[in-house]
């Protein structure tokens, strides 16, 4: 078997190849949130070969992340011992010093780091949750969509469908038209009933006073989570809304964090009730675990932003993780491109412990039609 106990302690497994490809998948309907519109999503997929295994990693980013991987990261990763995750991570961070770490370079590092962890777990013939150390056997998910481009009927059908599937929380987009947001939220509440948690995400669309006004209106529909009510760069504004919004509404932000100092600043500012982190942006599994450690130190919960195929195992290993975003676009894309994706059972995702690593296999033939 790969990585049998007779060889693990004495034999290094060098990384032999880092391959990357980008794929752009059209949405199944026009989508928008409070500040952006899109009709397609690009995923950059890394396949990292080391001895008998091939690790899979990916990021939702521009195809230019693949250029950074090929030009800057692959040369410092190839030849390194697969098991030396920390030194590989440090080498990648150093390699992009003059490129600029936040943004595209961070997503590139993320994809490669995820592939390294996947390959390491495969080499040890372990599911990643076992390699990391399980804190729980599953992670709750919330359905995420309800785009501002949807009609009321589309939104209600999507959110209501997740309710019928057994999810215990759903999230919708707001902020495109502040005057109609309260009515859309009431329609969402009607669709899911009174027992499910309802979250809203403004994607930074409001100014501070509008956000406070909207929080009061949303509270009337028993909204429990208000994500990015103002720009996530406005830490004072987030703190203001957190302090003055109705007490039952938690403020969440952090999905655009690319490194640990970003999360530290957000936590030190008292800007959020729930910190979000995205392993496909913040440095992969390594970066996500560092965000989790900061939440441990701050005594605050952590929420995983989208990409359920990547986040499932590390979420189960991080004690303060509250939930994982079951984002409509990424669920659809991951089912198209990977074998081994999991569906929620009783409102939670459970890792498949019978499969090593992340438990995913790339469907290269199916992906070819979407290649960039």
Protein backbone atom coordinates (compact mmCIF):
# COMPACT_ATOMS: atom_id res chain seq x y z
CA UNK A 1 0.00 0.00 0.00
CA UNK A 2 1.21 3.58 -0.52
CA UNK A 3 3.22 4.89 2.40
CA UNK A 4 3.32 1.55 4.33
CA UNK A 5 4.69 1.77 7.87
CA UNK A 6 7.94 0.04 6.84
CA UNK A 7 8.94 3.01 4.67
CA UNK A 8 7.28 6.06 6.21
CA UNK A 9 9.94 6.82 8.78
CA UNK A 10 12.96 6.31 6.55
CA UNK A 11 12.03 7.25 3.00
CA UNK A 12 11.33 10.74 1.72
CA UNK A 13 8.87 11.10 -1.15
CA UNK A 14 9.98 13.93 -3.43
CA UNK A 15 7.45 15.94 -5.37
CA UNK A 16 8.00 15.05 -9.02
CA UNK A 17 5.54 17.23 -10.96
CA UNK A 18 3.12 20.08 -10.45
CA UNK A 19 0.55 20.31 -13.23
CA UNK A 20 -2.09 23.03 -13.48
CA UNK A 21 -5.11 23.71 -15.65
CA UNK A 22 -7.97 26.22 -15.56
CA UNK A 23 -11.61 25.60 -16.37
CA UNK A 24 -14.45 28.10 -16.78
CA UNK A 25 -17.98 26.83 -16.12
CA UNK A 26 -21.05 28.90 -17.07
CA UNK A 27 -23.60 29.49 -14.33
CA UNK A 28 -26.98 27.81 -14.70
CA UNK A 29 -28.65 31.25 -14.56
CA UNK A 30 -27.41 34.86 -14.35
CA UNK A 31 -26.12 35.60 -10.84
CA UNK A 32 -25.41 38.74 -8.83
CA UNK A 33 -24.97 39.93 -5.28
CA UNK A 34 -24.92 43.38 -3.74
CA UNK A 35 -21.81 44.54 -5.60
CA UNK A 36 -21.03 42.16 -8.48
CA UNK A 37 -22.59 40.27 -11.40
CA UNK A 38 -21.28 37.10 -13.06
CA UNK A 39 -22.29 34.41 -15.53
CA UNK A 40 -19.34 32.03 -15.16
CA UNK A 41 -16.87 30.76 -12.57
CA UNK A 42 -13.24 29.75 -13.11
CA UNK A 43 -11.56 26.99 -11.14
CA UNK A 44 -7.79 26.43 -11.26
CA UNK A 45 -6.91 22.78 -10.60
CA UNK A 46 -3.49 21.49 -9.49
CA UNK A 47 -2.33 17.89 -9.77
CA UNK A 48 0.80 17.21 -7.76
CA UNK A 49 2.63 13.92 -8.38
CA UNK A 50 4.83 12.44 -5.66
CA UNK A 51 5.89 8.79 -5.78
CA UNK A 52 2.81 6.58 -6.09
CA UNK A 53 0.23 9.31 -5.42
CA UNK A 54 -1.25 12.37 -7.10
CA UNK A 55 -2.69 15.09 -4.90
CA UNK A 56 -5.53 17.34 -6.01
CA UNK A 57 -5.87 21.01 -5.08
CA UNK A 58 -7.87 23.86 -6.51
CA UNK A 59 -8.87 27.47 -6.12
CA UNK A 60 -11.72 29.58 -7.46
CA UNK A 61 -9.76 32.40 -9.04
CA UNK A 62 -8.72 33.91 -12.33
CA UNK A 63 -6.82 31.63 -14.72
CA UNK A 64 -3.74 33.81 -14.13
CA UNK A 65 -3.28 31.95 -10.83
CA UNK A 66 -2.14 29.06 -13.00
CA UNK A 67 0.64 31.22 -14.45
CA UNK A 68 1.91 31.99 -10.95
CA UNK A 69 1.83 28.28 -10.11
CA UNK A 70 3.79 27.28 -13.21
CA UNK A 71 6.27 30.14 -13.18
CA UNK A 72 6.87 30.85 -9.48
CA UNK A 73 5.66 27.95 -7.34
CA UNK A 74 6.35 24.72 -9.23
CA UNK A 75 10.13 25.38 -9.39
CA UNK A 76 10.37 25.65 -5.58
CA UNK A 77 8.00 22.76 -4.86
CA UNK A 78 9.34 20.09 -7.21
CA UNK A 79 12.05 18.04 -5.47
CA UNK A 80 10.86 18.82 -1.93
CA UNK A 81 9.87 16.05 0.42
CA UNK A 82 6.10 15.64 0.31
CA UNK A 83 5.98 15.35 4.09
CA UNK A 84 7.68 18.72 4.70
CA UNK A 85 4.49 20.73 4.36
CA UNK A 86 5.63 23.71 6.42
CA UNK A 87 8.91 24.22 4.57
CA UNK A 88 7.11 23.89 1.24
CA UNK A 89 4.57 26.47 2.31
CA UNK A 90 7.33 28.85 3.45
CA UNK A 91 9.18 28.40 0.15
CA UNK A 92 6.05 29.32 -1.82
CA UNK A 93 5.45 32.44 0.27
CA UNK A 94 9.06 33.50 -0.32
CA UNK A 95 8.78 32.81 -4.05
CA UNK A 96 5.98 35.36 -4.49
CA UNK A 97 7.60 38.13 -2.44
CA UNK A 98 8.01 40.42 -5.42
CA UNK A 99 4.82 39.24 -7.11
CA UNK A 100 2.66 40.40 -4.23
CA UNK A 101 1.30 37.78 -1.87
CA UNK A 102 -2.35 38.89 -1.38
CA UNK A 103 -4.74 38.20 -4.23
CA UNK A 104 -3.82 35.96 -7.14
CA UNK A 105 -0.53 34.76 -5.62
CA UNK A 106 -2.33 33.71 -2.44
CA UNK A 107 -4.88 31.71 -4.41
CA UNK A 108 -2.05 30.02 -6.31
CA UNK A 109 -0.32 29.06 -3.05
CA UNK A 110 -3.65 27.81 -1.74
CA UNK A 111 -4.23 25.41 -4.62
CA UNK A 112 -0.74 23.92 -4.36
CA UNK A 113 -0.87 23.63 -0.56
CA UNK A 114 -4.20 21.78 -0.77
CA UNK A 115 -2.65 19.37 -3.27
CA UNK A 116 0.34 18.81 -0.97
CA UNK A 117 -1.91 17.91 1.97
CA UNK A 118 -4.04 15.65 -0.21
CA UNK A 119 -0.98 13.83 -1.54
CA UNK A 120 0.58 13.51 1.93
CA UNK A 121 -2.56 11.90 3.33
CA UNK A 122 -2.75 9.58 0.33
CA UNK A 123 0.88 8.55 0.79
CA UNK A 124 0.05 7.59 4.37
CA UNK A 125 -3.15 5.86 3.19
CA UNK A 126 -5.22 8.05 5.50
CA UNK A 127 -8.25 10.26 4.98
CA UNK A 128 -7.17 13.84 5.56
CA UNK A 129 -9.41 14.14 8.61
CA UNK A 130 -7.39 11.38 10.29
CA UNK A 131 -4.05 12.95 9.37
CA UNK A 132 -5.15 16.33 10.76
CA UNK A 133 -6.85 14.83 13.80
CA UNK A 134 -10.63 14.82 13.98
CA UNK A 135 -12.43 17.17 16.35
CA UNK A 136 -15.84 16.04 15.05
CA UNK A 137 -17.29 13.48 12.67
CA UNK A 138 -19.20 15.96 10.49
CA UNK A 139 -19.71 19.68 9.91
CA UNK A 140 -23.04 21.52 9.60
CA UNK A 141 -23.65 23.24 6.26
CA UNK A 142 -25.91 26.07 5.20
CA UNK A 143 -27.37 26.41 1.71
CA UNK A 144 -26.02 29.54 0.01
CA UNK A 145 -27.48 31.28 -3.02
CA UNK A 146 -30.59 33.41 -3.22
CA UNK A 147 -28.87 35.73 -5.68
CA UNK A 148 -30.19 39.24 -6.24
CA UNK A 149 -30.64 38.39 -9.93
CA UNK A 150 -33.18 35.72 -8.99
CA UNK A 151 -36.88 36.42 -9.10
CA UNK A 152 -38.75 35.99 -5.84
CA UNK A 153 -40.05 32.68 -7.15
CA UNK A 154 -36.56 31.42 -8.09
CA UNK A 155 -35.18 32.41 -4.72
CA UNK A 156 -38.02 30.79 -2.79
CA UNK A 157 -37.71 27.57 -4.80
CA UNK A 158 -33.97 27.33 -4.12
CA UNK A 159 -34.07 28.17 -0.41
CA UNK A 160 -37.21 26.12 0.15
CA UNK A 161 -35.58 23.18 -1.62
CA UNK A 162 -32.67 23.24 0.81
CA UNK A 163 -35.16 23.30 3.69
CA UNK A 164 -36.86 20.21 2.27
CA UNK A 165 -33.45 18.53 1.91
CA UNK A 166 -32.89 18.83 5.65
CA UNK A 167 -30.50 21.79 5.83
CA UNK A 168 -31.00 23.82 8.98
CA UNK A 169 -29.84 27.20 7.68
CA UNK A 170 -29.82 29.07 4.36
CA UNK A 171 -28.26 32.30 3.12
CA UNK A 172 -29.44 34.83 0.53
CA UNK A 173 -27.86 37.84 -1.13
CA UNK A 174 -28.98 41.39 -0.37
CA UNK A 175 -27.70 44.88 -1.14
CA UNK A 176 -28.44 45.30 -4.84
CA UNK A 177 -31.58 47.37 -4.10
CA UNK A 178 -31.87 48.38 -0.46
CA UNK A 179 -35.48 49.48 -0.93
CA UNK A 180 -36.62 45.97 -1.84
CA UNK A 181 -34.32 43.94 0.41
CA UNK A 182 -36.71 43.68 3.35
CA UNK A 183 -39.48 42.34 1.11
CA UNK A 184 -37.14 39.74 -0.40
CA UNK A 185 -36.07 38.66 3.09
CA UNK A 186 -39.71 38.28 4.14
CA UNK A 187 -40.32 36.15 1.04
CA UNK A 188 -37.34 33.97 1.95
CA UNK A 189 -38.66 33.50 5.47
CA UNK A 190 -42.04 32.50 4.07
CA UNK A 191 -40.36 29.89 1.86
CA UNK A 192 -38.30 28.20 4.58
CA UNK A 193 -40.68 28.44 7.52
CA UNK A 194 -40.00 29.64 11.01
CA UNK A 195 -37.65 26.90 12.24
CA UNK A 196 -34.66 27.32 9.89
CA UNK A 197 -31.96 29.92 10.46
CA UNK A 198 -31.90 32.65 7.82
CA UNK A 199 -28.66 34.42 6.90
CA UNK A 200 -28.13 37.46 4.66
CA UNK A 201 -24.98 38.57 2.81
CA UNK A 202 -24.60 42.15 1.54
CA UNK A 203 -21.08 41.70 0.11
CA UNK A 204 -20.16 45.14 1.46
CA UNK A 205 -22.92 46.94 -0.45
CA UNK A 206 -24.20 49.22 2.33
CA UNK A 207 -22.71 52.21 4.07
CA UNK A 208 -22.69 52.15 7.87
CA UNK A 209 -26.02 53.85 8.56
CA UNK A 210 -27.87 51.94 5.87
CA UNK A 211 -26.45 48.69 7.26
CA UNK A 212 -27.77 49.52 10.72
CA UNK A 213 -31.18 50.41 9.32
CA UNK A 214 -31.32 47.17 7.32
CA UNK A 215 -30.25 45.12 10.34
CA UNK A 216 -33.32 46.34 12.19
CA UNK A 217 -35.58 45.40 9.28
CA UNK A 218 -33.97 41.98 8.88
CA UNK A 219 -34.32 41.23 12.58
CA UNK A 220 -38.10 41.40 12.14
CA UNK A 221 -37.74 38.28 9.93
CA UNK A 222 -35.55 36.56 12.52
CA UNK A 223 -32.33 36.91 10.50
CA UNK A 224 -29.45 35.57 12.60
CA UNK A 225 -26.39 36.31 10.45
CA UNK A 226 -25.48 39.50 8.58
CA UNK A 227 -22.42 38.98 6.39
CA UNK A 228 -20.31 41.91 5.20
CA UNK A 229 -22.93 44.57 6.00
CA UNK A 230 -20.23 47.08 5.03
CA UNK A 231 -16.93 46.56 3.24
CA UNK A 232 -14.73 44.01 4.96
CA UNK A 233 -11.94 46.61 4.72
CA UNK A 234 -13.97 48.94 6.97
CA UNK A 235 -13.12 47.39 10.33
CA UNK A 236 -14.48 50.37 12.25
CA UNK A 237 -17.74 50.09 10.31
CA UNK A 238 -18.02 46.37 10.99
CA UNK A 239 -17.42 47.02 14.68
CA UNK A 240 -20.08 49.75 14.68
CA UNK A 241 -22.67 47.45 13.12
CA UNK A 242 -21.67 44.60 15.43
CA UNK A 243 -22.12 46.80 18.49
CA UNK A 244 -25.40 48.45 17.46
CA UNK A 245 -27.29 45.84 15.44
CA UNK A 246 -30.06 43.86 17.18
CA UNK A 247 -28.45 41.46 19.61
CA UNK A 248 -29.75 38.34 17.87
CA UNK A 249 -27.88 39.17 14.63
CA UNK A 250 -24.26 38.06 14.35
CA UNK A 251 -21.84 39.92 12.07
CA UNK A 252 -19.62 37.77 9.85
CA UNK A 253 -16.73 38.64 7.52
CA UNK A 254 -13.27 37.46 6.50
CA UNK A 255 -13.72 35.60 3.21
CA UNK A 256 -11.22 37.94 1.50
CA UNK A 257 -8.45 37.23 3.97
CA UNK A 258 -5.25 36.12 2.26
CA UNK A 259 -2.88 35.73 5.22
CA UNK A 260 -2.86 35.43 9.03
CA UNK A 261 -2.22 39.16 9.68
CA UNK A 262 -5.52 39.98 7.91
CA UNK A 263 -7.45 37.72 10.28
CA UNK A 264 -5.52 38.98 13.30
CA UNK A 265 -6.40 42.59 12.49
CA UNK A 266 -10.08 41.72 12.05
CA UNK A 267 -10.20 39.89 15.37
CA UNK A 268 -8.23 42.55 17.26
CA UNK A 269 -10.63 45.20 15.96
CA UNK A 270 -13.59 43.33 17.45
CA UNK A 271 -15.14 43.58 13.99
CA UNK A 272 -16.96 40.24 13.80
CA UNK A 273 -18.92 37.74 15.83
CA UNK A 274 -17.96 34.98 13.37
CA UNK A 275 -14.71 34.94 11.36
CA UNK A 276 -14.82 33.52 7.86
CA UNK A 277 -11.87 31.97 6.08
CA UNK A 278 -11.50 30.44 2.63
CA UNK A 279 -8.82 27.77 2.18
CA UNK A 280 -8.78 28.44 -1.57
CA UNK A 281 -7.63 32.01 -0.85
CA UNK A 282 -5.90 32.13 2.53
CA UNK A 283 -3.05 29.70 1.92
CA UNK A 284 -4.74 26.34 1.55
CA UNK A 285 -5.16 23.85 4.39
CA UNK A 286 -2.12 25.37 6.12
CA UNK A 287 -3.57 28.87 6.03
CA UNK A 288 -7.03 27.71 7.08
CA UNK A 289 -5.61 25.95 10.15
CA UNK A 290 -3.75 29.14 11.07
CA UNK A 291 -7.01 31.09 10.90
CA UNK A 292 -8.56 28.42 13.09
CA UNK A 293 -5.77 28.84 15.63
CA UNK A 294 -6.40 32.59 15.75
CA UNK A 295 -10.08 31.89 16.45
CA UNK A 296 -9.04 29.55 19.25
CA UNK A 297 -6.97 32.34 20.78
CA UNK A 298 -9.78 34.89 20.38
CA UNK A 299 -12.53 32.58 21.57
CA UNK A 300 -14.64 33.17 18.45
CA UNK A 301 -16.23 30.75 15.97
CA UNK A 302 -14.86 30.13 12.47
CA UNK A 303 -16.93 29.58 9.32
CA UNK A 304 -15.60 28.08 6.09
CA UNK A 305 -16.35 30.11 2.95
CA UNK A 306 -17.61 27.99 0.00
CA UNK A 307 -15.60 25.18 -1.71
CA UNK A 308 -17.09 22.32 0.33
CA UNK A 309 -14.88 19.71 -1.32
CA UNK A 310 -11.77 21.39 0.07
CA UNK A 311 -13.14 22.46 3.44
CA UNK A 312 -14.86 19.31 4.66
CA UNK A 313 -11.86 17.58 6.22
CA UNK A 314 -10.13 20.62 7.78
CA UNK A 315 -13.48 21.82 9.15
CA UNK A 316 -13.84 18.52 10.97
CA UNK A 317 -10.37 19.02 12.44
CA UNK A 318 -10.84 22.62 13.69
CA UNK A 319 -12.68 22.73 17.04
CA UNK A 320 -14.18 26.21 16.64
CA UNK A 321 -15.60 25.73 13.15
CA UNK A 322 -19.33 26.41 13.31
CA UNK A 323 -20.42 25.71 9.74
CA UNK A 324 -19.45 25.34 6.10
CA UNK A 325 -21.01 27.28 3.23
CA UNK A 326 -22.74 24.95 0.78
CA UNK A 327 -22.51 27.44 -2.08
CA UNK A 328 -24.70 26.75 -5.11
CA UNK A 329 -22.05 27.43 -7.77
CA UNK A 330 -19.26 25.46 -6.13
CA UNK A 331 -21.44 22.46 -5.27
CA UNK A 332 -22.47 22.25 -8.93
CA UNK A 333 -18.90 22.66 -10.23
CA UNK A 334 -17.40 20.14 -7.83
CA UNK A 335 -19.98 17.54 -8.78
CA UNK A 336 -19.16 18.13 -12.46
CA UNK A 337 -15.38 17.89 -12.08
CA UNK A 338 -14.69 15.52 -9.18
CA UNK A 339 -15.68 12.06 -8.04
CA UNK A 340 -16.10 11.63 -4.29
CA UNK A 341 -18.03 14.80 -3.44
CA UNK A 342 -20.38 14.43 -0.48
CA UNK A 343 -24.04 15.39 -0.12
CA UNK A 344 -25.50 16.65 3.17
CA UNK A 345 -27.12 14.16 5.52
CA UNK A 346 -29.32 15.64 8.25
CA UNK A 347 -27.90 19.09 7.50
CA UNK A 348 -24.22 18.11 7.71
CA UNK A 349 -21.39 16.81 5.52
CA UNK A 350 -19.54 13.68 6.61
CA UNK A 351 -16.06 12.83 5.27
CA UNK A 352 -15.73 9.51 3.50
CA UNK A 353 -13.12 7.82 5.68
CA UNK A 354 -12.77 4.94 3.23
CA UNK A 355 -10.98 7.21 0.73
CA UNK A 356 -7.47 8.61 1.38
CA UNK A 357 -6.70 12.31 1.27
CA UNK A 358 -9.57 14.62 0.41
CA UNK A 359 -11.35 11.67 -1.16
CA UNK A 360 -11.63 13.41 -4.53
CA UNK A 361 -10.69 12.19 -8.01
CA UNK A 362 -10.48 14.62 -10.92
CA UNK A 363 -12.70 13.80 -13.91
CA UNK A 364 -10.32 15.00 -16.62
CA UNK A 365 -12.47 13.88 -19.54
CA UNK A 366 -15.56 15.65 -18.21
CA UNK A 367 -13.54 18.80 -17.48
CA UNK A 368 -12.06 19.08 -20.96
CA UNK A 369 -15.05 20.90 -22.42
CA UNK A 370 -14.55 23.74 -19.91
CA UNK A 371 -10.77 24.15 -20.38
CA UNK A 372 -9.43 27.69 -20.67
